Amino acid sequence: MFRPGTDFRQFVYTETGDTNANTTAAPANNAAHVNYGGFGGLFSITQSSPSANTGKVTLVYAGDKMHSGFDNVTFLDRDRALVGEDAGDTLHTQRSAFDSAFAVDVRHDYSDGSTPTRVIAEGRDASATLDSALLGSAGFVNDGDNEITGIHVSDGDASVEGLLGREVPTLFEDGVRFFWTQQHGDNTTFEVVPAPHGGR
């Protein structure tokens, strides 16, 4: 996803990583205690121009057990990328937590131990609850838990001028809307809307 307001010179992408807390590429699980990126993360590519053949790759945020399986990405505004997790049933069980979506500030240095802001905390809908109960049954192939997918912030403009990353979105203004889909189970698509005046 191109970072808005950078004239297509900065691009961010997710790296999902392992979906098992026992990954040997995590510091606690390898003899050298080095972070080899087992839980993935969010990366940035910066170039001098959109047509440049070279650029700089930067790790924006290194995932951990509780922030892992980053999959979908969109921009909430110029500086905050929204990333949705697809951690998988195994990691959900290991960490006793379902998927979440986080706002990652691409300007922030997360090496100080800080973590992104959770904006969506996933649950398990009725169909996914049944699927989870059937996991391991002969011939059953569905995923057991819901995941956050299709996370998207846009004004819906399908023209060249509306290319994602061209303009900086301002949520709930000028037609900018925020959607996400709870994949697996009921496969419901949600729209995030502003709270009523004075509400939360």
C-alpha atoms as a PDB file:
ATOM      1  CA  MET A   1       0.000   0.000   0.000  1.00  0.00           C
ATOM      2  CA  PHE A   2       1.452   3.389  -0.961  1.00  0.00           C
ATOM      3  CA  ARG A   3       1.748   5.823   1.932  1.00  0.00           C
ATOM      4  CA  PRO A   4      -0.559   8.760   1.179  1.00  0.00           C
ATOM      5  CA  GLY A   5       1.041  12.119   0.514  1.00  0.00           C
ATOM      6  CA  THR A   6       4.425  10.726  -0.569  1.00  0.00           C
ATOM      7  CA  ASP A   7       3.867  10.987  -4.339  1.00  0.00           C
ATOM      8  CA  PHE A   8       4.136   7.180  -4.592  1.00  0.00           C
ATOM      9  CA  ARG A   9       7.704   7.233  -3.249  1.00  0.00           C
ATOM     10  CA  GLN A  10       6.968   5.185  -0.118  1.00  0.00           C
ATOM     11  CA  PHE A  11       5.292   1.795  -0.015  1.00  0.00           C
ATOM     12  CA  VAL A  12       4.471  -0.376   3.011  1.00  0.00           C
ATOM     13  CA  TYR A  13       3.851  -4.106   3.073  1.00  0.00           C
ATOM     14  CA  THR A  14       3.224  -6.841   5.619  1.00  0.00           C
ATOM     15  CA  GLU A  15       5.187 -10.028   6.155  1.00  0.00           C
ATOM     16  CA  THR A  16       2.952 -12.589   7.846  1.00  0.00           C
ATOM     17  CA  GLY A  17       5.565 -14.734   9.563  1.00  0.00           C
ATOM     18  CA  ASP A  18       4.905 -18.064  11.271  1.00  0.00           C
ATOM     19  CA  THR A  19       1.515 -18.888  12.726  1.00  0.00           C
ATOM     20  CA  ASN A  20       2.900 -20.960  15.556  1.00  0.00           C
ATOM     21  CA  ALA A  21       4.296 -19.573  18.824  1.00  0.00           C
ATOM     22  CA  ASN A  22       7.003 -22.248  18.694  1.00  0.00           C
ATOM     23  CA  THR A  23       8.656 -20.727  15.630  1.00  0.00           C
ATOM     24  CA  THR A  24      12.429 -21.166  15.812  1.00  0.00           C
ATOM     25  CA  ALA A  25      12.805 -17.707  14.249  1.00  0.00           C
ATOM     26  CA  ALA A  26      11.698 -15.955  17.463  1.00  0.00           C
ATOM     27  CA  PRO A  27      14.208 -14.882  20.141  1.00  0.00           C
ATOM     28  CA  ALA A  28      12.864 -17.146  22.900  1.00  0.00           C
ATOM     29  CA  ASN A  29      12.902 -20.229  20.677  1.00  0.00           C
ATOM     30  CA  ASN A  30      16.405 -20.232  19.195  1.00  0.00           C
ATOM     31  CA  ALA A  31      19.748 -20.804  20.860  1.00  0.00           C
ATOM     32  CA  ALA A  32      21.140 -17.393  19.877  1.00  0.00           C
ATOM     33  CA  HIS A  33      18.004 -15.565  21.120  1.00  0.00           C
ATOM     34  CA  VAL A  34      18.014 -13.504  17.924  1.00  0.00           C
ATOM     35  CA  ASN A  35      14.861 -12.116  16.325  1.00  0.00           C
ATOM     36  CA  TYR A  36      14.879 -13.670  12.868  1.00  0.00           C
ATOM     37  CA  GLY A  37      11.406 -12.333  12.097  1.00  0.00           C
ATOM     38  CA  GLY A  38       9.393 -15.390  13.059  1.00  0.00           C
ATOM     39  CA  PHE A  39       6.314 -13.298  13.824  1.00  0.00           C
ATOM     40  CA  GLY A  40       6.577 -11.124  10.715  1.00  0.00           C
ATOM     41  CA  GLY A  41       6.079  -7.389  10.713  1.00  0.00           C
ATOM     42  CA  LEU A  42       5.404  -4.239   8.744  1.00  0.00           C
ATOM     43  CA  PHE A  43       8.044  -2.975   6.310  1.00  0.00           C
ATOM     44  CA  SER A  44       8.535   0.178   4.250  1.00  0.00           C
ATOM     45  CA  ILE A  45      10.232   0.765   0.894  1.00  0.00           C
ATOM     46  CA  THR A  46      11.303   4.367   0.212  1.00  0.00           C
ATOM     47  CA  GLN A  47      12.539   5.525  -3.195  1.00  0.00           C
ATOM     48  CA  SER A  48      13.695   8.840  -4.642  1.00  0.00           C
ATOM     49  CA  SER A  49      10.990   8.614  -7.303  1.00  0.00           C
ATOM     50  CA  PRO A  50       8.231   6.159  -8.287  1.00  0.00           C
ATOM     51  CA  SER A  51      10.345   4.935 -11.221  1.00  0.00           C
ATOM     52  CA  ALA A  52      13.615   4.485  -9.289  1.00  0.00           C
ATOM     53  CA  ASN A  53      15.343   1.124  -9.587  1.00  0.00           C
ATOM     54  CA  THR A  54      16.717   1.274  -6.048  1.00  0.00           C
ATOM     55  CA  GLY A  55      15.331   2.162  -2.656  1.00  0.00           C
ATOM     56  CA  LYS A  56      15.648   1.645   1.070  1.00  0.00           C
ATOM     57  CA  VAL A  57      13.820  -1.140   2.908  1.00  0.00           C
ATOM     58  CA  THR A  58      13.036  -0.383   6.554  1.00  0.00           C
ATOM     59  CA  LEU A  59      11.454  -2.489   9.284  1.00  0.00           C
ATOM     60  CA  VAL A  60       8.645  -0.346  10.707  1.00  0.00           C
ATOM     61  CA  TYR A  61       7.396  -2.819  13.306  1.00  0.00           C
ATOM     62  CA  ALA A  62       8.681  -6.307  14.211  1.00  0.00           C
ATOM     63  CA  GLY A  63       5.846  -8.628  15.200  1.00  0.00           C
ATOM     64  CA  ASP A  64       5.767 -10.713  18.356  1.00  0.00           C
ATOM     65  CA  LYS A  65       3.536 -13.470  19.730  1.00  0.00           C
ATOM     66  CA  MET A  66       0.703 -11.025  20.522  1.00  0.00           C
ATOM     67  CA  HIS A  67       1.112  -8.963  17.313  1.00  0.00           C
ATOM     68  CA  SER A  68       1.597 -11.464  14.517  1.00  0.00           C
ATOM     69  CA  GLY A  69       0.262 -12.817  11.261  1.00  0.00           C
ATOM     70  CA  PHE A  70      -0.018  -9.340   9.740  1.00  0.00           C
ATOM     71  CA  ASP A  71      -1.891  -9.704   6.492  1.00  0.00           C
ATOM     72  CA  ASN A  72      -4.028  -6.868   5.141  1.00  0.00           C
ATOM     73  CA  VAL A  73      -2.909  -3.247   5.237  1.00  0.00           C
ATOM     74  CA  THR A  74      -4.525   0.127   4.504  1.00  0.00           C
ATOM     75  CA  PHE A  75      -3.829   3.710   5.586  1.00  0.00           C
ATOM     76  CA  LEU A  76      -6.057   5.489   8.081  1.00  0.00           C
ATOM     77  CA  ASP A  77      -4.304   8.802   7.362  1.00  0.00           C
ATOM     78  CA  ARG A  78      -0.850   9.908   6.212  1.00  0.00           C
ATOM     79  CA  ASP A  79       1.063   8.306   9.066  1.00  0.00           C
ATOM     80  CA  ARG A  80      -1.006   5.424  10.471  1.00  0.00           C
ATOM     81  CA  ALA A  81      -1.184   2.128   8.634  1.00  0.00           C
ATOM     82  CA  LEU A  82      -3.935  -0.260   9.732  1.00  0.00           C
ATOM     83  CA  VAL A  83      -2.822  -3.902   9.706  1.00  0.00           C
ATOM     84  CA  GLY A  84      -5.124  -6.869  10.215  1.00  0.00           C
ATOM     85  CA  GLU A  85      -3.911 -10.163  11.650  1.00  0.00           C
ATOM     86  CA  ASP A  86      -4.380 -13.653  10.214  1.00  0.00           C
ATOM     87  CA  ALA A  87      -2.632 -15.524  13.018  1.00  0.00           C
ATOM     88  CA  GLY A  88      -4.446 -18.833  12.519  1.00  0.00           C
ATOM     89  CA  ASP A  89      -6.151 -21.280  14.845  1.00  0.00           C
ATOM     90  CA  THR A  90      -2.928 -22.696  16.312  1.00  0.00           C
ATOM     91  CA  LEU A  91      -1.525 -19.331  17.410  1.00  0.00           C
ATOM     92  CA  HIS A  92      -4.960 -18.205  18.632  1.00  0.00           C
ATOM     93  CA  THR A  93      -4.963 -21.168  21.006  1.00  0.00           C
ATOM     94  CA  GLN A  94      -1.340 -20.705  22.074  1.00  0.00           C
ATOM     95  CA  ARG A  95      -1.732 -17.054  22.985  1.00  0.00           C
ATOM     96  CA  SER A  96      -5.383 -17.292  24.154  1.00  0.00           C
ATOM     97  CA  ALA A  97      -6.318 -14.427  21.848  1.00  0.00           C
ATOM     98  CA  PHE A  98      -8.020 -14.067  18.487  1.00  0.00           C
ATOM     99  CA  ASP A  99      -6.977 -11.702  15.698  1.00  0.00           C
ATOM    100  CA  SER A 100      -6.825  -7.932  16.069  1.00  0.00           C
ATOM    101  CA  ALA A 101      -6.232  -4.948  13.812  1.00  0.00           C
ATOM    102  CA  PHE A 102      -3.626  -2.400  14.832  1.00  0.00           C
ATOM    103  CA  ALA A 103      -2.782   1.184  13.880  1.00  0.00           C
ATOM    104  CA  VAL A 104       0.967   1.342  13.265  1.00  0.00           C
ATOM    105  CA  ASP A 105       2.502   4.826  13.112  1.00  0.00           C
ATOM    106  CA  VAL A 106       5.099   4.566  10.337  1.00  0.00           C
ATOM    107  CA  ARG A 107       7.066   7.482  11.872  1.00  0.00           C
ATOM    108  CA  HIS A 108       7.480   5.834  15.274  1.00  0.00           C
ATOM    109  CA  ASP A 109      10.549   3.874  16.408  1.00  0.00           C
ATOM    110  CA  TYR A 110       9.026   0.758  17.982  1.00  0.00           C
ATOM    111  CA  SER A 111      12.432  -0.528  19.041  1.00  0.00           C
ATOM    112  CA  ASP A 112      11.729   1.253  22.342  1.00  0.00           C
ATOM    113  CA  GLY A 113       9.378  -1.625  23.245  1.00  0.00           C
ATOM    114  CA  SER A 114       6.139   0.235  22.520  1.00  0.00           C
ATOM    115  CA  THR A 115       3.383  -1.503  20.584  1.00  0.00           C
ATOM    116  CA  PRO A 116       0.817  -0.382  17.994  1.00  0.00           C
ATOM    117  CA  THR A 117      -2.675   0.693  19.028  1.00  0.00           C
ATOM    118  CA  ARG A 118      -5.365  -2.004  18.812  1.00  0.00           C
ATOM    119  CA  VAL A 119      -8.370  -0.681  16.874  1.00  0.00           C
ATOM    120  CA  ILE A 120     -10.322  -3.938  16.352  1.00  0.00           C
ATOM    121  CA  ALA A 121     -10.420  -6.937  18.698  1.00  0.00           C
ATOM    122  CA  GLU A 122     -11.808 -10.008  16.927  1.00  0.00           C
ATOM    123  CA  GLY A 123     -14.188 -12.477  18.508  1.00  0.00           C
ATOM    124  CA  ARG A 124     -15.675 -15.686  17.157  1.00  0.00           C
ATOM    125  CA  ASP A 125     -19.128 -15.565  15.513  1.00  0.00           C
ATOM    126  CA  ALA A 126     -21.717 -18.356  15.745  1.00  0.00           C
ATOM    127  CA  SER A 127     -20.628 -20.181  12.583  1.00  0.00           C
ATOM    128  CA  ALA A 128     -16.944 -20.001  13.494  1.00  0.00           C
ATOM    129  CA  THR A 129     -17.769 -21.361  16.951  1.00  0.00           C
ATOM    130  CA  LEU A 130     -19.339 -24.432  15.316  1.00  0.00           C
ATOM    131  CA  ASP A 131     -16.391 -24.740  12.940  1.00  0.00           C
ATOM    132  CA  SER A 132     -13.993 -24.629  15.887  1.00  0.00           C
ATOM    133  CA  ALA A 133     -15.880 -27.431  17.627  1.00  0.00           C
ATOM    134  CA  LEU A 134     -15.552 -29.571  14.476  1.00  0.00           C
ATOM    135  CA  LEU A 135     -11.802 -29.050  14.004  1.00  0.00           C
ATOM    136  CA  GLY A 136     -10.050 -32.391  13.761  1.00  0.00           C
ATOM    137  CA  SER A 137     -13.187 -34.202  12.595  1.00  0.00           C
ATOM    138  CA  ALA A 138     -12.681 -36.513   9.625  1.00  0.00           C
ATOM    139  CA  GLY A 139     -13.231 -34.660   6.363  1.00  0.00           C
ATOM    140  CA  PHE A 140     -13.736 -31.250   8.005  1.00  0.00           C
ATOM    141  CA  VAL A 141     -11.583 -28.591   6.316  1.00  0.00           C
ATOM    142  CA  ASN A 142     -12.914 -25.179   7.430  1.00  0.00           C
ATOM    143  CA  ASP A 143     -10.812 -22.792   9.489  1.00  0.00           C
ATOM    144  CA  GLY A 144     -12.125 -22.651  13.028  1.00  0.00           C
ATOM    145  CA  ASP A 145     -11.718 -18.965  13.847  1.00  0.00           C
ATOM    146  CA  ASN A 146     -12.692 -15.706  12.206  1.00  0.00           C
ATOM    147  CA  GLU A 147      -9.946 -13.505  10.841  1.00  0.00           C
ATOM    148  CA  ILE A 148      -9.800  -9.821   9.909  1.00  0.00           C
ATOM    149  CA  THR A 149      -9.464  -9.380   6.170  1.00  0.00           C
ATOM    150  CA  GLY A 150     -10.313  -6.845   3.513  1.00  0.00           C
ATOM    151  CA  ILE A 151      -9.505  -3.940   5.834  1.00  0.00           C
ATOM    152  CA  HIS A 152     -10.006  -0.882   3.644  1.00  0.00           C
ATOM    153  CA  VAL A 153     -10.144   2.922   3.979  1.00  0.00           C
ATOM    154  CA  SER A 154     -11.176   4.803   0.846  1.00  0.00           C
ATOM    155  CA  ASP A 155     -13.502   7.394  -0.653  1.00  0.00           C
ATOM    156  CA  GLY A 156     -14.455   4.881  -3.355  1.00  0.00           C
ATOM    157  CA  ASP A 157     -13.098   6.993  -6.232  1.00  0.00           C
ATOM    158  CA  ALA A 158     -12.244   4.513  -9.024  1.00  0.00           C
ATOM    159  CA  SER A 159     -10.601   7.108 -11.281  1.00  0.00           C
ATOM    160  CA  VAL A 160      -6.865   7.710 -11.703  1.00  0.00           C
ATOM    161  CA  GLU A 161      -7.192  10.640  -9.292  1.00  0.00           C
ATOM    162  CA  GLY A 162      -8.652   8.241  -6.721  1.00  0.00           C
ATOM    163  CA  LEU A 163      -5.714   5.800  -6.679  1.00  0.00           C
ATOM    164  CA  LEU A 164      -5.011   4.749  -3.109  1.00  0.00           C
ATOM    165  CA  GLY A 165      -2.009   6.698  -1.874  1.00  0.00           C
ATOM    166  CA  ARG A 166      -2.589   9.717  -4.107  1.00  0.00           C
ATOM    167  CA  GLU A 167      -4.504  11.746  -1.526  1.00  0.00           C
ATOM    168  CA  VAL A 168      -4.293  11.701   2.269  1.00  0.00           C
ATOM    169  CA  PRO A 169      -7.592  10.314   3.589  1.00  0.00           C
ATOM    170  CA  THR A 170      -9.490  12.052   6.369  1.00  0.00           C
ATOM    171  CA  LEU A 171     -11.753   9.455   7.930  1.00  0.00           C
ATOM    172  CA  PHE A 172     -15.491  10.258   7.839  1.00  0.00           C
ATOM    173  CA  GLU A 173     -14.887  13.342   5.673  1.00  0.00           C
ATOM    174  CA  ASP A 174     -15.302  13.798   1.903  1.00  0.00           C
ATOM    175  CA  GLY A 175     -16.803  10.331   1.543  1.00  0.00           C
ATOM    176  CA  VAL A 176     -13.889   8.478   3.205  1.00  0.00           C
ATOM    177  CA  ARG A 177     -15.192   5.254   4.771  1.00  0.00           C
ATOM    178  CA  PHE A 178     -13.655   2.336   6.717  1.00  0.00           C
ATOM    179  CA  PHE A 179     -14.648  -1.307   6.113  1.00  0.00           C
ATOM    180  CA  TRP A 180     -13.394  -4.691   7.254  1.00  0.00           C
ATOM    181  CA  THR A 181     -14.542  -8.260   6.739  1.00  0.00           C
ATOM    182  CA  GLN A 182     -14.736 -10.972   9.391  1.00  0.00           C
ATOM    183  CA  GLN A 183     -13.622 -13.850   7.180  1.00  0.00           C
ATOM    184  CA  HIS A 184     -14.596 -17.480   7.889  1.00  0.00           C
ATOM    185  CA  GLY A 185     -17.710 -18.277   9.856  1.00  0.00           C
ATOM    186  CA  ASP A 186     -20.481 -15.867   8.812  1.00  0.00           C
ATOM    187  CA  ASN A 187     -18.152 -13.813   6.551  1.00  0.00           C
ATOM    188  CA  THR A 188     -19.722 -10.528   7.629  1.00  0.00           C
ATOM    189  CA  THR A 189     -18.478  -7.193   6.276  1.00  0.00           C
ATOM    190  CA  PHE A 190     -18.590  -4.292   8.746  1.00  0.00           C
ATOM    191  CA  GLU A 191     -18.385  -0.547   8.338  1.00  0.00           C
ATOM    192  CA  VAL A 192     -16.781   1.534  11.075  1.00  0.00           C
ATOM    193  CA  VAL A 193     -18.891   4.642  11.621  1.00  0.00           C
ATOM    194  CA  PRO A 194     -18.454   7.661  13.907  1.00  0.00           C
ATOM    195  CA  ALA A 195     -20.012   7.461  17.343  1.00  0.00           C
ATOM    196  CA  PRO A 196     -23.144   9.538  17.919  1.00  0.00           C
ATOM    197  CA  HIS A 197     -22.425  13.044  19.174  1.00  0.00           C
ATOM    198  CA  GLY A 198     -21.033  12.793  22.682  1.00  0.00           C
ATOM    199  CA  GLY A 199     -20.768   8.972  22.516  1.00  0.00           C
ATOM    200  CA  ARG A 200     -17.843   6.592  22.438  1.00  0.00           C
END
